[in-house]
């Protein structure tokens, strides 16, 4: 019986919301940023970083709820009710990479 419970807990933990640090960046087009002024690009990066930090907090909360619900109710998949921000984090990370690349290519030389 203990083995079955342990197996259920392990399966459900694997299906929990991902850690924000393990979410890979999504591929994002650089086209919207190519003609953006350096000051605008810098402002967009600051806003995106703030958004990413907020999404990271939401993802950590969703992960914690998933784990807590699994432990309390021993019901794999129940944590799916909490939702997560995995897609949004991947997109945000992708935008940050593209903007940082564009900024370092065009703008850091001007300073």
PDB file of N, CA and C in Angstrom:
ATOM      1  N   UNK A   1       0.826  -1.195   0.000  1.00  0.00           N
ATOM      2  CA  UNK A   1       0.000   0.000   0.000  1.00  0.00           C
ATOM      3  C   UNK A   1       0.870   1.259   0.000  1.00  0.00           C
ATOM      4  N   UNK A   2       1.922   1.238   0.837  1.00  0.00           N
ATOM      5  CA  UNK A   2       2.817   2.402   0.887  1.00  0.00           C
ATOM      6  C   UNK A   2       3.492   2.637  -0.459  1.00  0.00           C
ATOM      7  N   UNK A   3       3.797   1.552  -1.137  1.00  0.00           N
ATOM      8  CA  UNK A   3       4.447   1.659  -2.441  1.00  0.00           C
ATOM      9  C   UNK A   3       3.508   2.306  -3.459  1.00  0.00           C
ATOM     10  N   UNK A   4       2.242   1.967  -3.402  1.00  0.00           N
ATOM     11  CA  UNK A   4       1.259   2.559  -4.311  1.00  0.00           C
ATOM     12  C   UNK A   4       1.114   4.055  -4.047  1.00  0.00           C
ATOM     13  N   UNK A   5       1.031   4.430  -2.787  1.00  0.00           N
ATOM     14  CA  UNK A   5       0.911   5.841  -2.425  1.00  0.00           C
ATOM     15  C   UNK A   5       2.153   6.605  -2.871  1.00  0.00           C
ATOM     16  N   UNK A   6       3.318   6.028  -2.625  1.00  0.00           N
ATOM     17  CA  UNK A   6       4.564   6.665  -3.046  1.00  0.00           C
ATOM     18  C   UNK A   6       4.597   6.834  -4.562  1.00  0.00           C
ATOM     19  N   UNK A   7       4.164   5.830  -5.302  1.00  0.00           N
ATOM     20  CA  UNK A   7       4.146   5.908  -6.762  1.00  0.00           C
ATOM     21  C   UNK A   7       3.186   7.010  -7.232  1.00  0.00           C
ATOM     22  N   UNK A   8       2.016   7.100  -6.601  1.00  0.00           N
ATOM     23  CA  UNK A   8       1.059   8.146  -6.957  1.00  0.00           C
ATOM     24  C   UNK A   8       1.616   9.537  -6.689  1.00  0.00           C
ATOM     25  N   UNK A   9       2.282   9.688  -5.564  1.00  0.00           N
ATOM     26  CA  UNK A   9       2.871  10.986  -5.215  1.00  0.00           C
ATOM     27  C   UNK A   9       3.958  11.352  -6.221  1.00  0.00           C
ATOM     28  N   UNK A  10       4.816  10.400  -6.568  1.00  0.00           N
ATOM     29  CA  UNK A  10       5.885  10.675  -7.529  1.00  0.00           C
ATOM     30  C   UNK A  10       5.329  11.020  -8.905  1.00  0.00           C
ATOM     31  N   UNK A  11       4.318  10.301  -9.342  1.00  0.00           N
ATOM     32  CA  UNK A  11       3.710  10.590 -10.640  1.00  0.00           C
ATOM     33  C   UNK A  11       3.088  11.972 -10.640  1.00  0.00           C
ATOM     34  N   UNK A  12       2.423  12.315  -9.571  1.00  0.00           N
ATOM     35  CA  UNK A  12       1.760  13.617  -9.522  1.00  0.00           C
ATOM     36  C   UNK A  12       2.754  14.764  -9.394  1.00  0.00           C
ATOM     37  N   UNK A  13       3.865  14.540  -8.722  1.00  0.00           N
ATOM     38  CA  UNK A  13       4.877  15.602  -8.630  1.00  0.00           C
ATOM     39  C   UNK A  13       5.502  15.866  -9.988  1.00  0.00           C
ATOM     40  N   UNK A  14       5.642  14.843 -10.787  1.00  0.00           N
ATOM     41  CA  UNK A  14       6.188  15.015 -12.123  1.00  0.00           C
ATOM     42  C   UNK A  14       5.227  15.839 -12.979  1.00  0.00           C
ATOM     43  N   UNK A  15       3.926  15.705 -12.727  1.00  0.00           N
ATOM     44  CA  UNK A  15       2.946  16.433 -13.521  1.00  0.00           C
ATOM     45  C   UNK A  15       2.625  17.815 -12.953  1.00  0.00           C
ATOM     46  N   UNK A  16       3.349  18.244 -11.929  1.00  0.00           N
ATOM     47  CA  UNK A  16       3.145  19.567 -11.343  1.00  0.00           C
ATOM     48  C   UNK A  16       3.649  20.650 -12.300  1.00  0.00           C
ATOM     49  N   UNK A  17       3.281  21.866 -12.004  1.00  0.00           N
ATOM     50  CA  UNK A  17       3.774  23.003 -12.780  1.00  0.00           C
ATOM     51  C   UNK A  17       5.302  23.017 -12.744  1.00  0.00           C
ATOM     52  N   UNK A  18       5.901  23.368 -13.846  1.00  0.00           N
ATOM     53  CA  UNK A  18       7.361  23.377 -13.958  1.00  0.00           C
ATOM     54  C   UNK A  18       7.967  24.510 -13.137  1.00  0.00           C
ATOM     55  N   UNK A  19       9.209  24.289 -12.691  1.00  0.00           N
ATOM     56  CA  UNK A  19       9.956  25.365 -12.048  1.00  0.00           C
ATOM     57  C   UNK A  19      10.235  26.428 -13.105  1.00  0.00           C
ATOM     58  N   UNK A  20      10.106  27.705 -12.764  1.00  0.00           N
ATOM     59  CA  UNK A  20      10.370  28.759 -13.753  1.00  0.00           C
ATOM     60  C   UNK A  20      11.766  28.653 -14.377  1.00  0.00           C
ATOM     61  N   UNK A  21      12.742  28.244 -13.595  1.00  0.00           N
ATOM     62  CA  UNK A  21      14.107  28.156 -14.114  1.00  0.00           C
ATOM     63  C   UNK A  21      14.271  27.030 -15.127  1.00  0.00           C
ATOM     64  N   UNK A  22      13.364  26.056 -15.132  1.00  0.00           N
ATOM     65  CA  UNK A  22      13.483  24.940 -16.072  1.00  0.00           C
ATOM     66  C   UNK A  22      12.709  25.188 -17.372  1.00  0.00           C
ATOM     67  N   UNK A  23      11.977  26.286 -17.451  1.00  0.00           N
ATOM     68  CA  UNK A  23      11.209  26.597 -18.653  1.00  0.00           C
ATOM     69  C   UNK A  23      12.141  27.209 -19.695  1.00  0.00           C
ATOM     70  N   UNK A  24      12.170  26.592 -20.862  1.00  0.00           N
ATOM     71  CA  UNK A  24      13.042  27.057 -21.939  1.00  0.00           C
ATOM     72  C   UNK A  24      12.402  28.233 -22.679  1.00  0.00           C
ATOM     73  N   UNK A  25      13.208  29.187 -23.140  1.00  0.00           N
ATOM     74  CA  UNK A  25      12.664  30.317 -23.901  1.00  0.00           C
ATOM     75  C   UNK A  25      12.036  29.852 -25.215  1.00  0.00           C
ATOM     76  N   UNK A  26      10.974  30.501 -25.597  1.00  0.00           N
ATOM     77  CA  UNK A  26      10.328  30.212 -26.881  1.00  0.00           C
ATOM     78  C   UNK A  26      11.041  30.996 -27.980  1.00  0.00           C
ATOM     79  N   UNK A  27      10.944  30.494 -29.191  1.00  0.00           N
ATOM     80  CA  UNK A  27      11.498  31.219 -30.338  1.00  0.00           C
ATOM     81  C   UNK A  27      10.597  32.425 -30.621  1.00  0.00           C
ATOM     82  N   UNK A  28      11.210  33.587 -30.672  1.00  0.00           N
ATOM     83  CA  UNK A  28      10.471  34.836 -30.875  1.00  0.00           C
ATOM     84  C   UNK A  28      11.125  35.601 -32.019  1.00  0.00           C
ATOM     85  N   UNK A  29      10.319  36.190 -32.869  1.00  0.00           N
ATOM     86  CA  UNK A  29      10.827  36.974 -33.994  1.00  0.00           C
ATOM     87  C   UNK A  29      11.463  38.272 -33.502  1.00  0.00           C
ATOM     88  N   UNK A  30      12.561  38.647 -34.130  1.00  0.00           N
ATOM     89  CA  UNK A  30      13.207  39.912 -33.770  1.00  0.00           C
ATOM     90  C   UNK A  30      12.672  41.081 -34.589  1.00  0.00           C
ATOM     91  N   UNK A  31      11.820  40.818 -35.546  1.00  0.00           N
ATOM     92  CA  UNK A  31      11.305  41.861 -36.451  1.00  0.00           C
ATOM     93  C   UNK A  31      10.704  43.061 -35.708  1.00  0.00           C
ATOM     94  N   UNK A  32       9.898  42.858 -34.655  1.00  0.00           N
ATOM     95  CA  UNK A  32       9.329  44.036 -33.985  1.00  0.00           C
ATOM     96  C   UNK A  32      10.381  44.933 -33.323  1.00  0.00           C
ATOM     97  N   UNK A  33      11.571  44.428 -33.111  1.00  0.00           N
ATOM     98  CA  UNK A  33      12.585  45.173 -32.367  1.00  0.00           C
ATOM     99  C   UNK A  33      13.676  45.767 -33.257  1.00  0.00           C
ATOM    100  N   UNK A  34      13.724  45.387 -34.516  1.00  0.00           N
ATOM    101  CA  UNK A  34      14.806  45.810 -35.416  1.00  0.00           C
ATOM    102  C   UNK A  34      14.847  47.317 -35.613  1.00  0.00           C
ATOM    103  N   UNK A  35      13.719  47.945 -35.789  1.00  0.00           N
ATOM    104  CA  UNK A  35      13.677  49.389 -36.052  1.00  0.00           C
ATOM    105  C   UNK A  35      13.318  50.206 -34.819  1.00  0.00           C
ATOM    106  N   UNK A  36      13.273  49.583 -33.674  1.00  0.00           N
ATOM    107  CA  UNK A  36      12.919  50.286 -32.435  1.00  0.00           C
ATOM    108  C   UNK A  36      14.128  51.111 -31.965  1.00  0.00           C
ATOM    109  N   UNK A  37      13.865  52.309 -31.500  1.00  0.00           N
ATOM    110  CA  UNK A  37      14.962  53.142 -30.995  1.00  0.00           C
ATOM    111  C   UNK A  37      15.578  52.482 -29.760  1.00  0.00           C
ATOM    112  N   UNK A  38      16.821  52.836 -29.494  1.00  0.00           N
ATOM    113  CA  UNK A  38      17.524  52.243 -28.360  1.00  0.00           C
ATOM    114  C   UNK A  38      16.836  52.566 -27.031  1.00  0.00           C
ATOM    115  N   UNK A  39      16.364  53.783 -26.878  1.00  0.00           N
ATOM    116  CA  UNK A  39      15.692  54.146 -25.624  1.00  0.00           C
ATOM    117  C   UNK A  39      14.375  53.383 -25.470  1.00  0.00           C
ATOM    118  N   UNK A  40      13.654  53.210 -26.571  1.00  0.00           N
ATOM    119  CA  UNK A  40      12.419  52.438 -26.552  1.00  0.00           C
ATOM    120  C   UNK A  40      12.700  50.963 -26.251  1.00  0.00           C
ATOM    121  N   UNK A  41      13.759  50.455 -26.844  1.00  0.00           N
ATOM    122  CA  UNK A  41      14.157  49.069 -26.625  1.00  0.00           C
ATOM    123  C   UNK A  41      14.521  48.834 -25.161  1.00  0.00           C
ATOM    124  N   UNK A  42      15.239  49.794 -24.603  1.00  0.00           N
ATOM    125  CA  UNK A  42      15.617  49.691 -23.185  1.00  0.00           C
ATOM    126  C   UNK A  42      14.372  49.715 -22.292  1.00  0.00           C
ATOM    127  N   UNK A  43      13.417  50.578 -22.626  1.00  0.00           N
ATOM    128  CA  UNK A  43      12.177  50.655 -21.856  1.00  0.00           C
ATOM    129  C   UNK A  43      11.386  49.343 -21.975  1.00  0.00           C
ATOM    130  N   UNK A  44      11.331  48.774 -23.173  1.00  0.00           N
ATOM    131  CA  UNK A  44      10.632  47.506 -23.390  1.00  0.00           C
ATOM    132  C   UNK A  44      11.284  46.367 -22.599  1.00  0.00           C
ATOM    133  N   UNK A  45      12.611  46.370 -22.537  1.00  0.00           N
ATOM    134  CA  UNK A  45      13.311  45.330 -21.769  1.00  0.00           C
ATOM    135  C   UNK A  45      12.994  45.453 -20.281  1.00  0.00           C
ATOM    136  N   UNK A  46      12.937  46.670 -19.780  1.00  0.00           N
ATOM    137  CA  UNK A  46      12.607  46.893 -18.372  1.00  0.00           C
ATOM    138  C   UNK A  46      11.193  46.407 -18.073  1.00  0.00           C
ATOM    139  N   UNK A  47      10.253  46.728 -18.948  1.00  0.00           N
ATOM    140  CA  UNK A  47       8.867  46.282 -18.764  1.00  0.00           C
ATOM    141  C   UNK A  47       8.752  44.762 -18.852  1.00  0.00           C
ATOM    142  N   UNK A  48       9.474  44.170 -19.792  1.00  0.00           N
ATOM    143  CA  UNK A  48       9.424  42.710 -19.967  1.00  0.00           C
ATOM    144  C   UNK A  48      10.037  41.995 -18.773  1.00  0.00           C
ATOM    145  N   UNK A  49      11.095  42.571 -18.219  1.00  0.00           N
ATOM    146  CA  UNK A  49      11.716  41.978 -17.033  1.00  0.00           C
ATOM    147  C   UNK A  49      10.740  42.000 -15.853  1.00  0.00           C
ATOM    148  N   UNK A  50      10.032  43.097 -15.703  1.00  0.00           N
ATOM    149  CA  UNK A  50       9.027  43.201 -14.641  1.00  0.00           C
ATOM    150  C   UNK A  50       7.920  42.164 -14.844  1.00  0.00           C
ATOM    151  N   UNK A  51       7.483  42.016 -16.085  1.00  0.00           N
ATOM    152  CA  UNK A  51       6.448  41.029 -16.406  1.00  0.00           C
ATOM    153  C   UNK A  51       6.947  39.617 -16.124  1.00  0.00           C
ATOM    154  N   UNK A  52       8.191  39.325 -16.493  1.00  0.00           N
ATOM    155  CA  UNK A  52       8.774  38.003 -16.269  1.00  0.00           C
ATOM    156  C   UNK A  52       8.870  37.693 -14.777  1.00  0.00           C
ATOM    157  N   UNK A  53       9.251  38.686 -13.986  1.00  0.00           N
ATOM    158  CA  UNK A  53       9.327  38.486 -12.542  1.00  0.00           C
ATOM    159  C   UNK A  53       7.950  38.174 -11.957  1.00  0.00           C
ATOM    160  N   UNK A  54       6.934  38.863 -12.438  1.00  0.00           N
ATOM    161  CA  UNK A  54       5.564  38.618 -11.985  1.00  0.00           C
ATOM    162  C   UNK A  54       5.102  37.216 -12.375  1.00  0.00           C
ATOM    163  N   UNK A  55       5.361  36.828 -13.616  1.00  0.00           N
ATOM    164  CA  UNK A  55       4.985  35.501 -14.091  1.00  0.00           C
ATOM    165  C   UNK A  55       5.724  34.405 -13.314  1.00  0.00           C
ATOM    166  N   UNK A  56       6.975  34.669 -12.977  1.00  0.00           N
ATOM    167  CA  UNK A  56       7.760  33.710 -12.207  1.00  0.00           C
ATOM    168  C   UNK A  56       7.131  33.490 -10.840  1.00  0.00           C
ATOM    169  N   UNK A  57       6.708  34.564 -10.200  1.00  0.00           N
ATOM    170  CA  UNK A  57       6.032  34.442  -8.910  1.00  0.00           C
ATOM    171  C   UNK A  57       4.750  33.638  -9.015  1.00  0.00           C
ATOM    172  N   UNK A  58       3.968  33.890 -10.075  1.00  0.00           N
ATOM    173  CA  UNK A  58       2.732  33.143 -10.293  1.00  0.00           C
ATOM    174  C   UNK A  58       3.020  31.661 -10.525  1.00  0.00           C
ATOM    175  N   UNK A  59       4.082  31.381 -11.282  1.00  0.00           N
ATOM    176  CA  UNK A  59       4.440  29.992 -11.578  1.00  0.00           C
ATOM    177  C   UNK A  59       4.881  29.265 -10.314  1.00  0.00           C
ATOM    178  N   UNK A  60       5.669  29.935  -9.482  1.00  0.00           N
ATOM    179  CA  UNK A  60       6.093  29.316  -8.219  1.00  0.00           C
ATOM    180  C   UNK A  60       4.893  29.027  -7.329  1.00  0.00           C
ATOM    181  N   UNK A  61       3.959  29.945  -7.299  1.00  0.00           N
ATOM    182  CA  UNK A  61       2.742  29.753  -6.518  1.00  0.00           C
ATOM    183  C   UNK A  61       1.939  28.566  -7.049  1.00  0.00           C
ATOM    184  N   UNK A  62       1.793  28.478  -8.365  1.00  0.00           N
ATOM    185  CA  UNK A  62       1.061  27.359  -8.968  1.00  0.00           C
ATOM    186  C   UNK A  62       1.745  26.042  -8.653  1.00  0.00           C
ATOM    187  N   UNK A  63       3.066  26.032  -8.721  1.00  0.00           N
ATOM    188  CA  UNK A  63       3.824  24.808  -8.410  1.00  0.00           C
ATOM    189  C   UNK A  63       3.618  24.410  -6.957  1.00  0.00           C
ATOM    190  N   UNK A  64       3.685  25.382  -6.055  1.00  0.00           N
ATOM    191  CA  UNK A  64       3.486  25.082  -4.632  1.00  0.00           C
ATOM    192  C   UNK A  64       2.083  24.550  -4.372  1.00  0.00           C
ATOM    193  N   UNK A  65       1.082  25.147  -5.024  1.00  0.00           N
ATOM    194  CA  UNK A  65      -0.289  24.659  -4.873  1.00  0.00           C
ATOM    195  C   UNK A  65      -0.426  23.246  -5.422  1.00  0.00           C
ATOM    196  N   UNK A  66       0.191  22.986  -6.567  1.00  0.00           N
ATOM    197  CA  UNK A  66       0.145  21.636  -7.138  1.00  0.00           C
ATOM    198  C   UNK A  66       0.693  20.609  -6.154  1.00  0.00           C
ATOM    199  N   UNK A  67       1.837  20.934  -5.573  1.00  0.00           N
ATOM    200  CA  UNK A  67       2.465  20.014  -4.624  1.00  0.00           C
ATOM    201  C   UNK A  67       1.597  19.853  -3.389  1.00  0.00           C
ATOM    202  N   UNK A  68       1.087  20.963  -2.867  1.00  0.00           N
ATOM    203  CA  UNK A  68       0.254  20.894  -1.657  1.00  0.00           C
ATOM    204  C   UNK A  68      -1.019  20.088  -1.906  1.00  0.00           C
ATOM    205  N   UNK A  69      -1.677  20.326  -3.035  1.00  0.00           N
ATOM    206  CA  UNK A  69      -2.897  19.584  -3.346  1.00  0.00           C
ATOM    207  C   UNK A  69      -2.617  18.098  -3.518  1.00  0.00           C
ATOM    208  N   UNK A  70      -1.479  17.793  -4.107  1.00  0.00           N
ATOM    209  CA  UNK A  70      -1.110  16.396  -4.302  1.00  0.00           C
ATOM    210  C   UNK A  70      -0.873  15.719  -2.956  1.00  0.00           C
ATOM    211  N   UNK A  71      -0.162  16.395  -2.075  1.00  0.00           N
ATOM    212  CA  UNK A  71       0.140  15.815  -0.768  1.00  0.00           C
ATOM    213  C   UNK A  71      -1.121  15.701   0.080  1.00  0.00           C
ATOM    214  N   UNK A  72      -1.948  16.734   0.076  1.00  0.00           N
ATOM    215  CA  UNK A  72      -3.156  16.721   0.903  1.00  0.00           C
ATOM    216  C   UNK A  72      -4.201  15.719   0.421  1.00  0.00           C
ATOM    217  N   UNK A  73      -4.389  15.650  -0.884  1.00  0.00           N
ATOM    218  CA  UNK A  73      -5.472  14.831  -1.417  1.00  0.00           C
ATOM    219  C   UNK A  73      -5.001  13.565  -2.115  1.00  0.00           C
ATOM    220  N   UNK A  74      -3.685  13.434  -2.258  1.00  0.00           N
ATOM    221  CA  UNK A  74      -3.093  12.295  -2.961  1.00  0.00           C
ATOM    222  C   UNK A  74      -3.882  11.986  -4.234  1.00  0.00           C
ATOM    223  N   UNK A  75      -4.069  13.026  -5.011  1.00  0.00           N
ATOM    224  CA  UNK A  75      -4.810  12.890  -6.268  1.00  0.00           C
ATOM    225  C   UNK A  75      -3.988  13.480  -7.399  1.00  0.00           C
ATOM    226  N   UNK A  76      -3.272  12.635  -8.134  1.00  0.00           N
ATOM    227  CA  UNK A  76      -2.469  13.143  -9.242  1.00  0.00           C
ATOM    228  C   UNK A  76      -3.320  13.922 -10.236  1.00  0.00           C
ATOM    229  N   UNK A  77      -2.781  15.046 -10.683  1.00  0.00           N
ATOM    230  CA  UNK A  77      -3.475  15.847 -11.670  1.00  0.00           C
ATOM    231  C   UNK A  77      -4.413  16.885 -11.093  1.00  0.00           C
ATOM    232  N   UNK A  78      -4.687  16.817  -9.780  1.00  0.00           N
ATOM    233  CA  UNK A  78      -5.578  17.790  -9.161  1.00  0.00           C
ATOM    234  C   UNK A  78      -4.982  19.194  -9.237  1.00  0.00           C
ATOM    235  N   UNK A  79      -3.659  19.261  -9.245  1.00  0.00           N
ATOM    236  CA  UNK A  79      -2.984  20.554  -9.332  1.00  0.00           C
ATOM    237  C   UNK A  79      -3.227  21.280 -10.638  1.00  0.00           C
ATOM    238  N   UNK A  80      -3.709  20.583 -11.655  1.00  0.00           N
ATOM    239  CA  UNK A  80      -3.990  21.230 -12.938  1.00  0.00           C
ATOM    240  C   UNK A  80      -5.066  22.300 -12.797  1.00  0.00           C
ATOM    241  N   UNK A  81      -5.837  22.222 -11.740  1.00  0.00           N
ATOM    242  CA  UNK A  81      -6.880  23.220 -11.507  1.00  0.00           C
ATOM    243  C   UNK A  81      -6.300  24.587 -11.180  1.00  0.00           C
ATOM    244  N   UNK A  82      -5.071  24.629 -10.674  1.00  0.00           N
ATOM    245  CA  UNK A  82      -4.456  25.897 -10.292  1.00  0.00           C
ATOM    246  C   UNK A  82      -3.946  26.677 -11.498  1.00  0.00           C
ATOM    247  N   UNK A  83      -3.718  26.010 -12.627  1.00  0.00           N
ATOM    248  CA  UNK A  83      -3.200  26.675 -13.821  1.00  0.00           C
ATOM    249  C   UNK A  83      -1.729  27.036 -13.643  1.00  0.00           C
ATOM    250  N   UNK A  84      -1.078  27.347 -14.734  1.00  0.00           N
ATOM    251  CA  UNK A  84       0.305  27.790 -14.635  1.00  0.00           C
ATOM    252  C   UNK A  84       0.608  28.796 -15.732  1.00  0.00           C
ATOM    253  N   UNK A  85       1.808  29.338 -15.708  1.00  0.00           N
ATOM    254  CA  UNK A  85       2.207  30.404 -16.637  1.00  0.00           C
ATOM    255  C   UNK A  85       3.354  29.961 -17.530  1.00  0.00           C
ATOM    256  N   UNK A  86       3.468  28.663 -17.776  1.00  0.00           N
ATOM    257  CA  UNK A  86       4.617  28.142 -18.502  1.00  0.00           C
ATOM    258  C   UNK A  86       4.762  28.752 -19.899  1.00  0.00           C
ATOM    259  N   UNK A  87       3.685  28.814 -20.667  1.00  0.00           N
ATOM    260  CA  UNK A  87       3.766  29.376 -22.021  1.00  0.00           C
ATOM    261  C   UNK A  87       4.141  30.856 -21.994  1.00  0.00           C
ATOM    262  N   UNK A  88       3.541  31.592 -21.069  1.00  0.00           N
ATOM    263  CA  UNK A  88       3.832  33.026 -20.969  1.00  0.00           C
ATOM    264  C   UNK A  88       5.285  33.271 -20.564  1.00  0.00           C
ATOM    265  N   UNK A  89       5.804  32.434 -19.669  1.00  0.00           N
ATOM    266  CA  UNK A  89       7.205  32.573 -19.243  1.00  0.00           C
ATOM    267  C   UNK A  89       8.134  32.268 -20.411  1.00  0.00           C
ATOM    268  N   UNK A  90       7.834  31.219 -21.164  1.00  0.00           N
ATOM    269  CA  UNK A  90       8.666  30.864 -22.322  1.00  0.00           C
ATOM    270  C   UNK A  90       8.693  32.010 -23.337  1.00  0.00           C
ATOM    271  N   UNK A  91       7.531  32.604 -23.607  1.00  0.00           N
ATOM    272  CA  UNK A  91       7.460  33.732 -24.539  1.00  0.00           C
ATOM    273  C   UNK A  91       8.230  34.939 -24.004  1.00  0.00           C
ATOM    274  N   UNK A  92       8.071  35.216 -22.727  1.00  0.00           N
ATOM    275  CA  UNK A  92       8.748  36.361 -22.117  1.00  0.00           C
ATOM    276  C   UNK A  92      10.264  36.182 -22.141  1.00  0.00           C
ATOM    277  N   UNK A  93      10.722  34.982 -21.824  1.00  0.00           N
ATOM    278  CA  UNK A  93      12.162  34.704 -21.889  1.00  0.00           C
ATOM    279  C   UNK A  93      12.677  34.870 -23.316  1.00  0.00           C
ATOM    280  N   UNK A  94      11.901  34.409 -24.282  1.00  0.00           N
ATOM    281  CA  UNK A  94      12.289  34.561 -25.687  1.00  0.00           C
ATOM    282  C   UNK A  94      12.387  36.018 -26.090  1.00  0.00           C
ATOM    283  N   UNK A  95      11.399  36.819 -25.662  1.00  0.00           N
ATOM    284  CA  UNK A  95      11.439  38.261 -25.985  1.00  0.00           C
ATOM    285  C   UNK A  95      12.654  38.922 -25.330  1.00  0.00           C
ATOM    286  N   UNK A  96      12.952  38.542 -24.100  1.00  0.00           N
ATOM    287  CA  UNK A  96      14.111  39.133 -23.408  1.00  0.00           C
ATOM    288  C   UNK A  96      15.405  38.829 -24.163  1.00  0.00           C
ATOM    289  N   UNK A  97      15.541  37.622 -24.641  1.00  0.00           N
ATOM    290  CA  UNK A  97      16.755  37.244 -25.380  1.00  0.00           C
ATOM    291  C   UNK A  97      16.871  38.046 -26.670  1.00  0.00           C
ATOM    292  N   UNK A  98      15.775  38.128 -27.414  1.00  0.00           N
ATOM    293  CA  UNK A  98      15.794  38.864 -28.688  1.00  0.00           C
ATOM    294  C   UNK A  98      16.095  40.343 -28.445  1.00  0.00           C
ATOM    295  N   UNK A  99      15.443  40.937 -27.459  1.00  0.00           N
ATOM    296  CA  UNK A  99      15.671  42.358 -27.179  1.00  0.00           C
ATOM    297  C   UNK A  99      17.102  42.607 -26.705  1.00  0.00           C
ATOM    298  N   UNK A 100      17.611  41.739 -25.850  1.00  0.00           N
ATOM    299  CA  UNK A 100      18.985  41.905 -25.359  1.00  0.00           C
ATOM    300  C   UNK A 100      19.985  41.773 -26.501  1.00  0.00           C
ATOM    301  N   UNK A 101      19.750  40.821 -27.400  1.00  0.00           N
ATOM    302  CA  UNK A 101      20.637  40.667 -28.556  1.00  0.00           C
ATOM    303  C   UNK A 101      20.603  41.911 -29.441  1.00  0.00           C
ATOM    304  N   UNK A 102      19.406  42.393 -29.699  1.00  0.00           N
ATOM    305  CA  UNK A 102      19.248  43.581 -30.549  1.00  0.00           C
ATOM    306  C   UNK A 102      19.899  44.799 -29.891  1.00  0.00           C
ATOM    307  N   UNK A 103      19.712  44.927 -28.583  1.00  0.00           N
ATOM    308  CA  UNK A 103      20.290  46.057 -27.856  1.00  0.00           C
ATOM    309  C   UNK A 103      21.817  45.990 -27.883  1.00  0.00           C
ATOM    310  N   UNK A 104      22.348  44.821 -27.626  1.00  0.00           N
ATOM    311  CA  UNK A 104      23.809  44.704 -27.607  1.00  0.00           C
ATOM    312  C   UNK A 104      24.410  44.904 -28.994  1.00  0.00           C
ATOM    313  N   UNK A 105      23.680  44.548 -30.030  1.00  0.00           N
ATOM    314  CA  UNK A 105      24.175  44.724 -31.409  1.00  0.00           C
ATOM    315  C   UNK A 105      24.178  46.188 -31.830  1.00  0.00           C
ATOM    316  N   UNK A 106      23.076  46.896 -31.532  1.00  0.00           N
ATOM    317  CA  UNK A 106      22.931  48.256 -32.044  1.00  0.00           C
ATOM    318  C   UNK A 106      23.196  49.349 -31.029  1.00  0.00           C
ATOM    319  N   UNK A 107      22.840  49.128 -29.797  1.00  0.00           N
ATOM    320  CA  UNK A 107      22.779  50.245 -28.841  1.00  0.00           C
ATOM    321  C   UNK A 107      23.976  50.339 -27.897  1.00  0.00           C
ATOM    322  N   UNK A 108      24.528  49.236 -27.492  1.00  0.00           N
ATOM    323  CA  UNK A 108      25.621  49.297 -26.524  1.00  0.00           C
ATOM    324  C   UNK A 108      26.864  49.938 -27.127  1.00  0.00           C
ATOM    325  N   UNK A 109      26.980  49.920 -28.448  1.00  0.00           N
ATOM    326  CA  UNK A 109      28.113  50.551 -29.145  1.00  0.00           C
ATOM    327  C   UNK A 109      28.001  52.075 -29.057  1.00  0.00           C
ATOM    328  N   UNK A 110      26.776  52.583 -29.033  1.00  0.00           N
ATOM    329  CA  UNK A 110      26.544  54.030 -29.032  1.00  0.00           C
ATOM    330  C   UNK A 110      26.858  54.667 -27.687  1.00  0.00           C
ATOM    331  N   UNK A 111      26.868  53.890 -26.636  1.00  0.00           N
ATOM    332  CA  UNK A 111      27.061  54.483 -25.302  1.00  0.00           C
ATOM    333  C   UNK A 111      28.486  54.866 -25.048  1.00  0.00           C
TER     334      UNK A 111
END
